[in-house]
Amino acid sequence: MKFTSYQPKIVVVGSSSIDYVLKTNHHPQINETVLAEDTEIFFGGKGANQAIGTSRLGAKVYYIGNIGADNIGNDIIQSLNTEQVNTQYVHQDPQHPTGKAYVISAHGKTSIVVAPAANLYISKEMIDQAEEVIATADLVLTQLEIPSDIVEYLVEKCKKLQVKIGLYASPARAVCSDILEYSSFIVAKSKDLADILGNENREIALKKLPNKLFIRDDTNSTIYFNGEEMKYSRNDPDTIANKMGMGDAFTSGFAVAFCHGNSIDDCVKFGNRTSMKVAANLGSQRGLPFIKDLA
């Protein structure tokens, strides 16, 4: 595992939100009312999570997103700035509020409903405005909490500029062949494969995308095909406060290790170690580790 003195430049294009976490004894069933034992509020959104995750691991990070011109949006920008994330290309939308997520957390398991709000209105023009910084990036990261046409446009832009892009394919929806082909790596949850790739067998899908598709499950386990054999990596957290943000943390760790020229195997292992740290804390950003935490 190697980390050079070079500071990789990563551009993250994606969502940001405020997360309302309700801690309950169990998840409510249909037509059931459950009392929350506690309520906490955290910053979240897959884009913002990955921006902060990669920044804490030593990258020079630019975040491109659309948030509301409201107090929550102001707080998100302040938080990102505190984390040394460049917010020059964060647009504050006067027509739509900042995104919100409502999380039911019980015994380490979560159910999440996301109200994307302003995240749905990130535009191609916003991507174009950031073309100069995208063109000089070592890597672009994106997720699926923004519209599909924007993800496709971003991939086209990266292809035109010959810039590498990584995708965390969550929340799950179909991903077109152009994205699968051009992405340097794709992270997906095991349970989401059918939505992302169709009804293709997992092993067949992995073999079609060697050293590119990385499938994760709730045990912080990652599987991929290296061109010769299936490879497995697993790191069990000592304690699991929740599983929110573990995929974002894995993607952040993998991305930074990737930018430093590590082997795919080492990138996966570092991603798993990064993800393991998040599981010990409530909130998808609170537990994101700094590089010194993983030494």
C-alpha atoms as a PDB file:
ATOM      1  CA  MET A   1       0.000   0.000   0.000  1.00  0.00           C
ATOM      2  CA  LYS A   2       1.544   3.297  -1.053  1.00  0.00           C
ATOM      3  CA  PHE A   3       0.678   6.932  -0.529  1.00  0.00           C
ATOM      4  CA  THR A   4       2.938   9.417  -2.250  1.00  0.00           C
ATOM      5  CA  SER A   5       3.419  13.089  -1.377  1.00  0.00           C
ATOM      6  CA  TYR A   6       1.268  13.945  -4.403  1.00  0.00           C
ATOM      7  CA  GLN A   7      -2.184  15.328  -3.519  1.00  0.00           C
ATOM      8  CA  PRO A   8      -4.682  13.861  -5.997  1.00  0.00           C
ATOM      9  CA  LYS A   9      -7.352  16.168  -7.386  1.00  0.00           C
ATOM     10  CA  ILE A  10     -10.827  14.671  -7.150  1.00  0.00           C
ATOM     11  CA  VAL A  11     -14.058  16.260  -8.396  1.00  0.00           C
ATOM     12  CA  VAL A  12     -17.252  14.945  -6.808  1.00  0.00           C
ATOM     13  CA  VAL A  13     -20.555  15.533  -8.594  1.00  0.00           C
ATOM     14  CA  GLY A  14     -23.598  14.534  -6.592  1.00  0.00           C
ATOM     15  CA  SER A  15     -26.112  15.075  -3.855  1.00  0.00           C
ATOM     16  CA  SER A  16     -26.099  16.720  -0.464  1.00  0.00           C
ATOM     17  CA  SER A  17     -28.769  16.672   2.207  1.00  0.00           C
ATOM     18  CA  ILE A  18     -29.625  16.968   5.854  1.00  0.00           C
ATOM     19  CA  ASP A  19     -30.367  13.609   7.511  1.00  0.00           C
ATOM     20  CA  TYR A  20     -32.972  13.253  10.244  1.00  0.00           C
ATOM     21  CA  VAL A  21     -32.218  10.026  12.124  1.00  0.00           C
ATOM     22  CA  LEU A  22     -34.947   8.548  14.324  1.00  0.00           C
ATOM     23  CA  LYS A  23     -33.688   5.854  16.689  1.00  0.00           C
ATOM     24  CA  THR A  24     -36.409   3.315  17.438  1.00  0.00           C
ATOM     25  CA  ASN A  25     -36.749  -0.077  19.082  1.00  0.00           C
ATOM     26  CA  HIS A  26     -37.890  -1.625  15.808  1.00  0.00           C
ATOM     27  CA  HIS A  27     -38.818  -0.639  12.280  1.00  0.00           C
ATOM     28  CA  PRO A  28     -42.515   0.189  11.880  1.00  0.00           C
ATOM     29  CA  GLN A  29     -44.713  -2.158   9.927  1.00  0.00           C
ATOM     30  CA  ILE A  30     -47.417  -0.962   7.538  1.00  0.00           C
ATOM     31  CA  ASN A  31     -50.051   1.068   9.448  1.00  0.00           C
ATOM     32  CA  GLU A  32     -47.944   0.931  12.630  1.00  0.00           C
ATOM     33  CA  THR A  33     -46.902   3.982  14.647  1.00  0.00           C
ATOM     34  CA  VAL A  34     -43.594   3.732  16.485  1.00  0.00           C
ATOM     35  CA  LEU A  35     -42.212   6.171  19.054  1.00  0.00           C
ATOM     36  CA  ALA A  36     -38.638   7.337  18.529  1.00  0.00           C
ATOM     37  CA  GLU A  37     -36.315   6.958  21.492  1.00  0.00           C
ATOM     38  CA  ASP A  38     -34.075   9.743  20.200  1.00  0.00           C
ATOM     39  CA  THR A  39     -33.691  12.035  17.211  1.00  0.00           C
ATOM     40  CA  GLU A  40     -30.430  13.302  15.723  1.00  0.00           C
ATOM     41  CA  ILE A  41     -29.600  15.491  12.749  1.00  0.00           C
ATOM     42  CA  PHE A  42     -26.561  14.973  10.513  1.00  0.00           C
ATOM     43  CA  PHE A  43     -25.181  16.241   7.237  1.00  0.00           C
ATOM     44  CA  GLY A  44     -25.427  13.663   4.456  1.00  0.00           C
ATOM     45  CA  GLY A  45     -26.026  13.000   0.785  1.00  0.00           C
ATOM     46  CA  LYS A  46     -23.811  10.631  -1.173  1.00  0.00           C
ATOM     47  CA  GLY A  47     -22.001  13.404  -3.033  1.00  0.00           C
ATOM     48  CA  ALA A  48     -21.191  15.404   0.080  1.00  0.00           C
ATOM     49  CA  ASN A  49     -20.208  12.225   1.934  1.00  0.00           C
ATOM     50  CA  GLN A  50     -17.692  11.305  -0.757  1.00  0.00           C
ATOM     51  CA  ALA A  51     -16.375  14.854  -1.003  1.00  0.00           C
ATOM     52  CA  ILE A  52     -15.627  14.915   2.723  1.00  0.00           C
ATOM     53  CA  GLY A  53     -14.453  11.279   2.709  1.00  0.00           C
ATOM     54  CA  THR A  54     -11.841  11.883   0.023  1.00  0.00           C
ATOM     55  CA  SER A  55     -10.789  15.236   1.494  1.00  0.00           C
ATOM     56  CA  ARG A  56     -10.100  13.663   4.898  1.00  0.00           C
ATOM     57  CA  LEU A  57      -7.944  11.088   3.125  1.00  0.00           C
ATOM     58  CA  GLY A  58      -5.730  13.788   1.697  1.00  0.00           C
ATOM     59  CA  ALA A  59      -7.238  14.612  -1.710  1.00  0.00           C
ATOM     60  CA  LYS A  60      -7.780  18.107  -3.077  1.00  0.00           C
ATOM     61  CA  VAL A  61     -11.529  18.005  -3.579  1.00  0.00           C
ATOM     62  CA  TYR A  62     -14.000  20.073  -5.582  1.00  0.00           C
ATOM     63  CA  TYR A  63     -17.705  19.470  -5.051  1.00  0.00           C
ATOM     64  CA  ILE A  64     -20.336  20.193  -7.720  1.00  0.00           C
ATOM     65  CA  GLY A  65     -23.935  20.132  -6.557  1.00  0.00           C
ATOM     66  CA  ASN A  66     -27.260  21.932  -6.295  1.00  0.00           C
ATOM     67  CA  ILE A  67     -28.654  22.876  -2.887  1.00  0.00           C
ATOM     68  CA  GLY A  68     -31.377  25.177  -1.642  1.00  0.00           C
ATOM     69  CA  ALA A  69     -30.887  28.878  -1.012  1.00  0.00           C
ATOM     70  CA  ASP A  70     -31.908  28.242   2.596  1.00  0.00           C
ATOM     71  CA  ASN A  71     -30.365  27.940   6.037  1.00  0.00           C
ATOM     72  CA  ILE A  72     -29.699  24.216   5.623  1.00  0.00           C
ATOM     73  CA  GLY A  73     -27.920  24.889   2.344  1.00  0.00           C
ATOM     74  CA  ASN A  74     -25.801  27.565   4.024  1.00  0.00           C
ATOM     75  CA  ASP A  75     -24.889  25.128   6.790  1.00  0.00           C
ATOM     76  CA  ILE A  76     -23.894  22.455   4.252  1.00  0.00           C
ATOM     77  CA  ILE A  77     -21.577  24.870   2.441  1.00  0.00           C
ATOM     78  CA  GLN A  78     -20.011  25.907   5.751  1.00  0.00           C
ATOM     79  CA  SER A  79     -19.500  22.250   6.692  1.00  0.00           C
ATOM     80  CA  LEU A  80     -17.870  21.450   3.347  1.00  0.00           C
ATOM     81  CA  ASN A  81     -15.584  24.471   3.623  1.00  0.00           C
ATOM     82  CA  THR A  82     -14.569  23.404   7.127  1.00  0.00           C
ATOM     83  CA  GLU A  83     -13.617  20.033   5.640  1.00  0.00           C
ATOM     84  CA  GLN A  84     -11.351  21.727   3.070  1.00  0.00           C
ATOM     85  CA  VAL A  85     -13.721  20.946   0.184  1.00  0.00           C
ATOM     86  CA  ASN A  86     -13.825  23.592  -2.550  1.00  0.00           C
ATOM     87  CA  THR A  87     -17.440  24.782  -2.941  1.00  0.00           C
ATOM     88  CA  GLN A  88     -16.897  27.179  -5.836  1.00  0.00           C
ATOM     89  CA  TYR A  89     -19.229  25.077  -8.014  1.00  0.00           C
ATOM     90  CA  VAL A  90     -22.010  24.541  -5.475  1.00  0.00           C
ATOM     91  CA  HIS A  91     -25.139  26.242  -6.781  1.00  0.00           C
ATOM     92  CA  GLN A  92     -27.769  27.570  -4.357  1.00  0.00           C
ATOM     93  CA  ASP A  93     -31.170  27.181  -5.961  1.00  0.00           C
ATOM     94  CA  PRO A  94     -33.793  29.778  -4.963  1.00  0.00           C
ATOM     95  CA  GLN A  95     -36.617  27.647  -6.389  1.00  0.00           C
ATOM     96  CA  HIS A  96     -36.033  24.341  -4.600  1.00  0.00           C
ATOM     97  CA  PRO A  97     -35.137  23.475  -0.988  1.00  0.00           C
ATOM     98  CA  THR A  98     -32.110  21.512   0.128  1.00  0.00           C
ATOM     99  CA  GLY A  99     -32.552  17.745   0.015  1.00  0.00           C
ATOM    100  CA  LYS A 100     -33.552  15.814   3.120  1.00  0.00           C
ATOM    101  CA  ALA A 101     -33.329  12.185   4.222  1.00  0.00           C
ATOM    102  CA  TYR A 102     -35.498  10.560   6.883  1.00  0.00           C
ATOM    103  CA  VAL A 103     -33.832   7.590   8.536  1.00  0.00           C
ATOM    104  CA  ILE A 104     -35.302   4.968  10.836  1.00  0.00           C
ATOM    105  CA  SER A 105     -32.481   3.327  12.792  1.00  0.00           C
ATOM    106  CA  ALA A 106     -33.061   0.237  14.919  1.00  0.00           C
ATOM    107  CA  HIS A 107     -30.372  -2.169  16.177  1.00  0.00           C
ATOM    108  CA  GLY A 108     -27.834  -1.130  13.571  1.00  0.00           C
ATOM    109  CA  LYS A 109     -30.234  -1.437  10.628  1.00  0.00           C
ATOM    110  CA  THR A 110     -31.706   1.492   8.768  1.00  0.00           C
ATOM    111  CA  SER A 111     -34.606   2.311   6.484  1.00  0.00           C
ATOM    112  CA  ILE A 112     -34.203   5.533   4.548  1.00  0.00           C
ATOM    113  CA  VAL A 113     -36.553   7.781   2.581  1.00  0.00           C
ATOM    114  CA  VAL A 114     -34.839  10.529   0.592  1.00  0.00           C
ATOM    115  CA  ALA A 115     -36.525  13.741  -0.575  1.00  0.00           C
ATOM    116  CA  PRO A 116     -34.015  14.853  -3.244  1.00  0.00           C
ATOM    117  CA  ALA A 117     -35.479  18.343  -3.742  1.00  0.00           C
ATOM    118  CA  ALA A 118     -32.711  20.613  -5.184  1.00  0.00           C
ATOM    119  CA  ASN A 119     -30.535  17.579  -5.975  1.00  0.00           C
ATOM    120  CA  LEU A 120     -32.922  16.736  -8.817  1.00  0.00           C
ATOM    121  CA  TYR A 121     -32.247  20.078 -10.461  1.00  0.00           C
ATOM    122  CA  ILE A 122     -28.509  19.936 -10.931  1.00  0.00           C
ATOM    123  CA  SER A 123     -28.064  20.876 -14.586  1.00  0.00           C
ATOM    124  CA  LYS A 124     -25.777  20.271 -17.531  1.00  0.00           C
ATOM    125  CA  GLU A 125     -24.904  23.961 -17.402  1.00  0.00           C
ATOM    126  CA  MET A 126     -23.518  23.474 -13.892  1.00  0.00           C
ATOM    127  CA  ILE A 127     -21.311  20.681 -15.202  1.00  0.00           C
ATOM    128  CA  ASP A 128     -20.179  22.888 -18.086  1.00  0.00           C
ATOM    129  CA  GLN A 129     -19.294  25.725 -15.714  1.00  0.00           C
ATOM    130  CA  ALA A 130     -16.879  23.380 -13.954  1.00  0.00           C
ATOM    131  CA  GLU A 131     -15.304  21.971 -17.128  1.00  0.00           C
ATOM    132  CA  GLU A 132     -11.928  23.557 -16.416  1.00  0.00           C
ATOM    133  CA  VAL A 133     -11.598  21.879 -13.031  1.00  0.00           C
ATOM    134  CA  ILE A 134     -12.974  18.565 -14.370  1.00  0.00           C
ATOM    135  CA  ALA A 135     -10.442  18.606 -17.206  1.00  0.00           C
ATOM    136  CA  THR A 136      -7.520  18.713 -14.774  1.00  0.00           C
ATOM    137  CA  ALA A 137      -8.879  16.175 -12.274  1.00  0.00           C
ATOM    138  CA  ASP A 138      -7.186  12.876 -11.525  1.00  0.00           C
ATOM    139  CA  LEU A 139     -10.624  11.377 -10.932  1.00  0.00           C
ATOM    140  CA  VAL A 140     -14.301  12.330 -10.967  1.00  0.00           C
ATOM    141  CA  LEU A 141     -16.749  10.607  -8.612  1.00  0.00           C
ATOM    142  CA  THR A 142     -20.520  10.463  -8.940  1.00  0.00           C
ATOM    143  CA  GLN A 143     -23.542   8.546  -7.638  1.00  0.00           C
ATOM    144  CA  LEU A 144     -27.194   7.992  -8.559  1.00  0.00           C
ATOM    145  CA  GLU A 145     -28.904  10.483  -6.245  1.00  0.00           C
ATOM    146  CA  ILE A 146     -28.878  12.948  -9.135  1.00  0.00           C
ATOM    147  CA  PRO A 147     -30.818  12.513 -12.422  1.00  0.00           C
ATOM    148  CA  SER A 148     -29.702   9.823 -14.881  1.00  0.00           C
ATOM    149  CA  ASP A 149     -29.315  12.286 -17.759  1.00  0.00           C
ATOM    150  CA  ILE A 150     -26.862  14.325 -15.679  1.00  0.00           C
ATOM    151  CA  VAL A 151     -24.808  11.238 -14.829  1.00  0.00           C
ATOM    152  CA  GLU A 152     -24.747  10.279 -18.512  1.00  0.00           C
ATOM    153  CA  TYR A 153     -23.765  13.823 -19.515  1.00  0.00           C
ATOM    154  CA  LEU A 154     -20.993  13.849 -16.916  1.00  0.00           C
ATOM    155  CA  VAL A 155     -19.604  10.559 -18.206  1.00  0.00           C
ATOM    156  CA  GLU A 156     -19.695  11.918 -21.773  1.00  0.00           C
ATOM    157  CA  LYS A 157     -17.845  15.014 -20.553  1.00  0.00           C
ATOM    158  CA  CYS A 158     -15.185  12.927 -18.826  1.00  0.00           C
ATOM    159  CA  LYS A 159     -14.779  10.763 -21.901  1.00  0.00           C
ATOM    160  CA  LYS A 160     -14.334  13.835 -24.097  1.00  0.00           C
ATOM    161  CA  LEU A 161     -11.769  15.272 -21.670  1.00  0.00           C
ATOM    162  CA  GLN A 162     -10.101  11.865 -21.141  1.00  0.00           C
ATOM    163  CA  VAL A 163     -10.670  12.047 -17.389  1.00  0.00           C
ATOM    164  CA  LYS A 164     -11.288   8.954 -15.277  1.00  0.00           C
ATOM    165  CA  ILE A 165     -14.615   8.574 -13.481  1.00  0.00           C
ATOM    166  CA  GLY A 166     -15.812   6.261 -10.704  1.00  0.00           C
ATOM    167  CA  LEU A 167     -19.472   5.481 -10.003  1.00  0.00           C
ATOM    168  CA  TYR A 168     -21.183   4.428  -6.791  1.00  0.00           C
ATOM    169  CA  ALA A 169     -24.346   2.950  -8.310  1.00  0.00           C
ATOM    170  CA  SER A 170     -26.719   3.851  -5.487  1.00  0.00           C
ATOM    171  CA  PRO A 171     -29.629   4.311  -5.072  1.00  0.00           C
ATOM    172  CA  ALA A 172     -30.116   1.492  -7.534  1.00  0.00           C
ATOM    173  CA  ARG A 173     -31.429   2.065 -11.028  1.00  0.00           C
ATOM    174  CA  ALA A 174     -30.475   0.895 -14.495  1.00  0.00           C
ATOM    175  CA  VAL A 175     -27.072   2.054 -15.712  1.00  0.00           C
ATOM    176  CA  CYS A 176     -26.526   2.364 -19.469  1.00  0.00           C
ATOM    177  CA  SER A 177     -23.779   0.492 -21.303  1.00  0.00           C
ATOM    178  CA  ASP A 178     -21.791   3.664 -22.063  1.00  0.00           C
ATOM    179  CA  ILE A 179     -21.378   4.336 -18.343  1.00  0.00           C
ATOM    180  CA  LEU A 180     -20.434   0.727 -17.625  1.00  0.00           C
ATOM    181  CA  GLU A 181     -17.882   0.808 -20.417  1.00  0.00           C
ATOM    182  CA  TYR A 182     -16.168   4.090 -19.631  1.00  0.00           C
ATOM    183  CA  SER A 183     -16.171   4.090 -15.807  1.00  0.00           C
ATOM    184  CA  SER A 184     -12.843   3.173 -14.237  1.00  0.00           C
ATOM    185  CA  PHE A 185     -14.697   1.454 -11.396  1.00  0.00           C
ATOM    186  CA  ILE A 186     -18.273   0.827 -10.303  1.00  0.00           C
ATOM    187  CA  VAL A 187     -19.314   0.108  -6.723  1.00  0.00           C
ATOM    188  CA  ALA A 188     -22.694  -1.562  -6.159  1.00  0.00           C
ATOM    189  CA  LYS A 189     -24.632  -3.259  -3.393  1.00  0.00           C
ATOM    190  CA  SER A 190     -25.258  -6.965  -3.868  1.00  0.00           C
ATOM    191  CA  LYS A 191     -29.015  -6.589  -3.429  1.00  0.00           C
ATOM    192  CA  ASP A 192     -29.141  -3.885  -6.127  1.00  0.00           C
ATOM    193  CA  LEU A 193     -27.534  -5.770  -9.010  1.00  0.00           C
ATOM    194  CA  ALA A 194     -30.794  -6.706 -10.726  1.00  0.00           C
ATOM    195  CA  ASP A 195     -31.901  -3.057 -10.810  1.00  0.00           C
ATOM    196  CA  ILE A 196     -28.530  -1.859 -12.109  1.00  0.00           C
ATOM    197  CA  LEU A 197     -27.640  -4.569 -14.633  1.00  0.00           C
ATOM    198  CA  GLY A 198     -30.907  -6.394 -15.243  1.00  0.00           C
ATOM    199  CA  ASN A 199     -31.388 -10.017 -14.272  1.00  0.00           C
ATOM    200  CA  GLU A 200     -27.821 -10.972 -15.023  1.00  0.00           C
ATOM    201  CA  ASN A 201     -26.158 -13.557 -12.795  1.00  0.00           C
ATOM    202  CA  ARG A 202     -23.712 -11.978 -10.337  1.00  0.00           C
ATOM    203  CA  GLU A 203     -20.774 -14.118 -11.400  1.00  0.00           C
ATOM    204  CA  ILE A 204     -21.395 -13.413 -15.090  1.00  0.00           C
ATOM    205  CA  ALA A 205     -21.659  -9.666 -14.384  1.00  0.00           C
ATOM    206  CA  LEU A 206     -18.381  -9.677 -12.459  1.00  0.00           C
ATOM    207  CA  LYS A 207     -16.584 -11.593 -15.208  1.00  0.00           C
ATOM    208  CA  LYS A 208     -17.823  -9.133 -17.831  1.00  0.00           C
ATOM    209  CA  LEU A 209     -16.347  -6.252 -15.820  1.00  0.00           C
ATOM    210  CA  PRO A 210     -13.040  -7.514 -14.420  1.00  0.00           C
ATOM    211  CA  ASN A 211     -11.283  -5.201 -11.953  1.00  0.00           C
ATOM    212  CA  LYS A 212     -14.125  -2.732 -12.552  1.00  0.00           C
ATOM    213  CA  LEU A 213     -17.268  -3.950 -10.770  1.00  0.00           C
ATOM    214  CA  PHE A 214     -17.052  -4.187  -6.974  1.00  0.00           C
ATOM    215  CA  ILE A 215     -20.035  -5.723  -5.201  1.00  0.00           C
ATOM    216  CA  ARG A 216     -20.566  -5.076  -1.502  1.00  0.00           C
ATOM    217  CA  ASP A 217     -22.855  -6.456   1.168  1.00  0.00           C
ATOM    218  CA  ASP A 218     -23.908  -5.448   4.666  1.00  0.00           C
ATOM    219  CA  THR A 219     -21.011  -7.267   6.343  1.00  0.00           C
ATOM    220  CA  ASN A 220     -18.420  -4.871   4.847  1.00  0.00           C
ATOM    221  CA  SER A 221     -17.474  -7.565   2.364  1.00  0.00           C
ATOM    222  CA  THR A 222     -16.416  -6.803  -1.216  1.00  0.00           C
ATOM    223  CA  ILE A 223     -16.184  -9.211  -4.143  1.00  0.00           C
ATOM    224  CA  TYR A 224     -14.714  -8.640  -7.604  1.00  0.00           C
ATOM    225  CA  PHE A 225     -13.215 -10.619 -10.488  1.00  0.00           C
ATOM    226  CA  ASN A 226      -9.540  -9.888 -11.194  1.00  0.00           C
ATOM    227  CA  GLY A 227      -9.501 -11.486 -14.649  1.00  0.00           C
ATOM    228  CA  GLU A 228      -8.474 -14.894 -13.346  1.00  0.00           C
ATOM    229  CA  GLU A 229     -10.451 -15.576 -10.177  1.00  0.00           C
ATOM    230  CA  MET A 230     -13.048 -14.152  -7.823  1.00  0.00           C
ATOM    231  CA  LYS A 231     -11.497 -12.099  -5.039  1.00  0.00           C
ATOM    232  CA  TYR A 232     -13.066 -11.468  -1.636  1.00  0.00           C
ATOM    233  CA  SER A 233     -12.190  -8.890   0.997  1.00  0.00           C
ATOM    234  CA  ARG A 234     -13.928  -8.495   4.339  1.00  0.00           C
ATOM    235  CA  ASN A 235     -13.399  -6.298   7.392  1.00  0.00           C
ATOM    236  CA  ASP A 236     -15.841  -6.732  10.253  1.00  0.00           C
ATOM    237  CA  PRO A 237     -16.370  -3.586  12.340  1.00  0.00           C
ATOM    238  CA  ASP A 238     -15.856  -4.041  16.094  1.00  0.00           C
ATOM    239  CA  THR A 239     -19.149  -2.279  16.678  1.00  0.00           C
ATOM    240  CA  ILE A 240     -21.899  -1.270  14.277  1.00  0.00           C
ATOM    241  CA  ALA A 241     -23.781   1.866  15.289  1.00  0.00           C
ATOM    242  CA  ASN A 242     -25.333   1.995  11.848  1.00  0.00           C
ATOM    243  CA  LYS A 243     -24.602   1.177   8.214  1.00  0.00           C
ATOM    244  CA  MET A 244     -25.355   4.593   6.734  1.00  0.00           C
ATOM    245  CA  GLY A 245     -22.552   5.877   4.551  1.00  0.00           C
ATOM    246  CA  MET A 246     -20.480   2.681   4.482  1.00  0.00           C
ATOM    247  CA  GLY A 247     -20.700   2.504   0.684  1.00  0.00           C
ATOM    248  CA  ASP A 248     -19.670   6.145   0.366  1.00  0.00           C
ATOM    249  CA  ALA A 249     -16.751   5.538   2.718  1.00  0.00           C
ATOM    250  CA  PHE A 250     -15.621   2.479   0.748  1.00  0.00           C
ATOM    251  CA  THR A 251     -15.826   4.463  -2.492  1.00  0.00           C
ATOM    252  CA  SER A 252     -13.835   7.327  -0.943  1.00  0.00           C
ATOM    253  CA  GLY A 253     -11.086   5.022   0.305  1.00  0.00           C
ATOM    254  CA  PHE A 254     -10.936   3.063  -2.947  1.00  0.00           C
ATOM    255  CA  ALA A 255     -10.809   6.298  -4.979  1.00  0.00           C
ATOM    256  CA  VAL A 256      -7.917   7.839  -3.035  1.00  0.00           C
ATOM    257  CA  ALA A 257      -5.903   4.605  -3.097  1.00  0.00           C
ATOM    258  CA  PHE A 258      -6.641   4.327  -6.838  1.00  0.00           C
ATOM    259  CA  CYS A 259      -5.343   7.861  -7.454  1.00  0.00           C
ATOM    260  CA  HIS A 260      -2.083   6.963  -5.703  1.00  0.00           C
ATOM    261  CA  GLY A 261      -1.523   4.101  -8.154  1.00  0.00           C
ATOM    262  CA  ASN A 262      -2.150   1.172  -5.830  1.00  0.00           C
ATOM    263  CA  SER A 263      -3.130  -2.277  -7.041  1.00  0.00           C
ATOM    264  CA  ILE A 264      -6.839  -3.067  -7.273  1.00  0.00           C
ATOM    265  CA  ASP A 265      -6.472  -5.502  -4.380  1.00  0.00           C
ATOM    266  CA  ASP A 266      -4.957  -2.792  -2.175  1.00  0.00           C
ATOM    267  CA  CYS A 267      -7.614  -0.295  -3.255  1.00  0.00           C
ATOM    268  CA  VAL A 268     -10.348  -2.715  -2.158  1.00  0.00           C
ATOM    269  CA  LYS A 269      -8.656  -3.410   1.164  1.00  0.00           C
ATOM    270  CA  PHE A 270      -8.204   0.300   1.862  1.00  0.00           C
ATOM    271  CA  GLY A 271     -11.826   0.955   0.906  1.00  0.00           C
ATOM    272  CA  ASN A 272     -12.983  -1.725   3.332  1.00  0.00           C
ATOM    273  CA  ARG A 273     -10.852  -0.282   6.133  1.00  0.00           C
ATOM    274  CA  THR A 274     -12.281   3.177   5.472  1.00  0.00           C
ATOM    275  CA  SER A 275     -15.820   1.806   5.488  1.00  0.00           C
ATOM    276  CA  MET A 276     -15.201  -0.080   8.735  1.00  0.00           C
ATOM    277  CA  LYS A 277     -14.508   3.186  10.580  1.00  0.00           C
ATOM    278  CA  VAL A 278     -17.852   4.699   9.586  1.00  0.00           C
ATOM    279  CA  ALA A 279     -19.862   1.825  11.042  1.00  0.00           C
ATOM    280  CA  ALA A 280     -18.890   2.777  14.591  1.00  0.00           C
ATOM    281  CA  ASN A 281     -20.691   6.128  14.438  1.00  0.00           C
ATOM    282  CA  LEU A 282     -24.183   7.378  13.734  1.00  0.00           C
ATOM    283  CA  GLY A 283     -24.286   9.766  10.796  1.00  0.00           C
ATOM    284  CA  SER A 284     -22.736   9.083   7.410  1.00  0.00           C
ATOM    285  CA  GLN A 285     -20.049  11.792   7.751  1.00  0.00           C
ATOM    286  CA  ARG A 286     -19.183  11.810  11.447  1.00  0.00           C
ATOM    287  CA  GLY A 287     -17.116   8.611  11.340  1.00  0.00           C
ATOM    288  CA  LEU A 288     -15.314   9.223   8.044  1.00  0.00           C
ATOM    289  CA  PRO A 289     -11.642   8.670   8.918  1.00  0.00           C
ATOM    290  CA  PHE A 290      -8.643  10.864   8.346  1.00  0.00           C
ATOM    291  CA  ILE A 291      -5.602   9.344   6.711  1.00  0.00           C
ATOM    292  CA  LYS A 292      -3.834   9.221  10.104  1.00  0.00           C
ATOM    293  CA  ASP A 293      -6.647   7.018  11.456  1.00  0.00           C
ATOM    294  CA  LEU A 294      -5.791   4.330   8.903  1.00  0.00           C
ATOM    295  CA  ALA A 295      -2.023   4.341   9.305  1.00  0.00           C
END
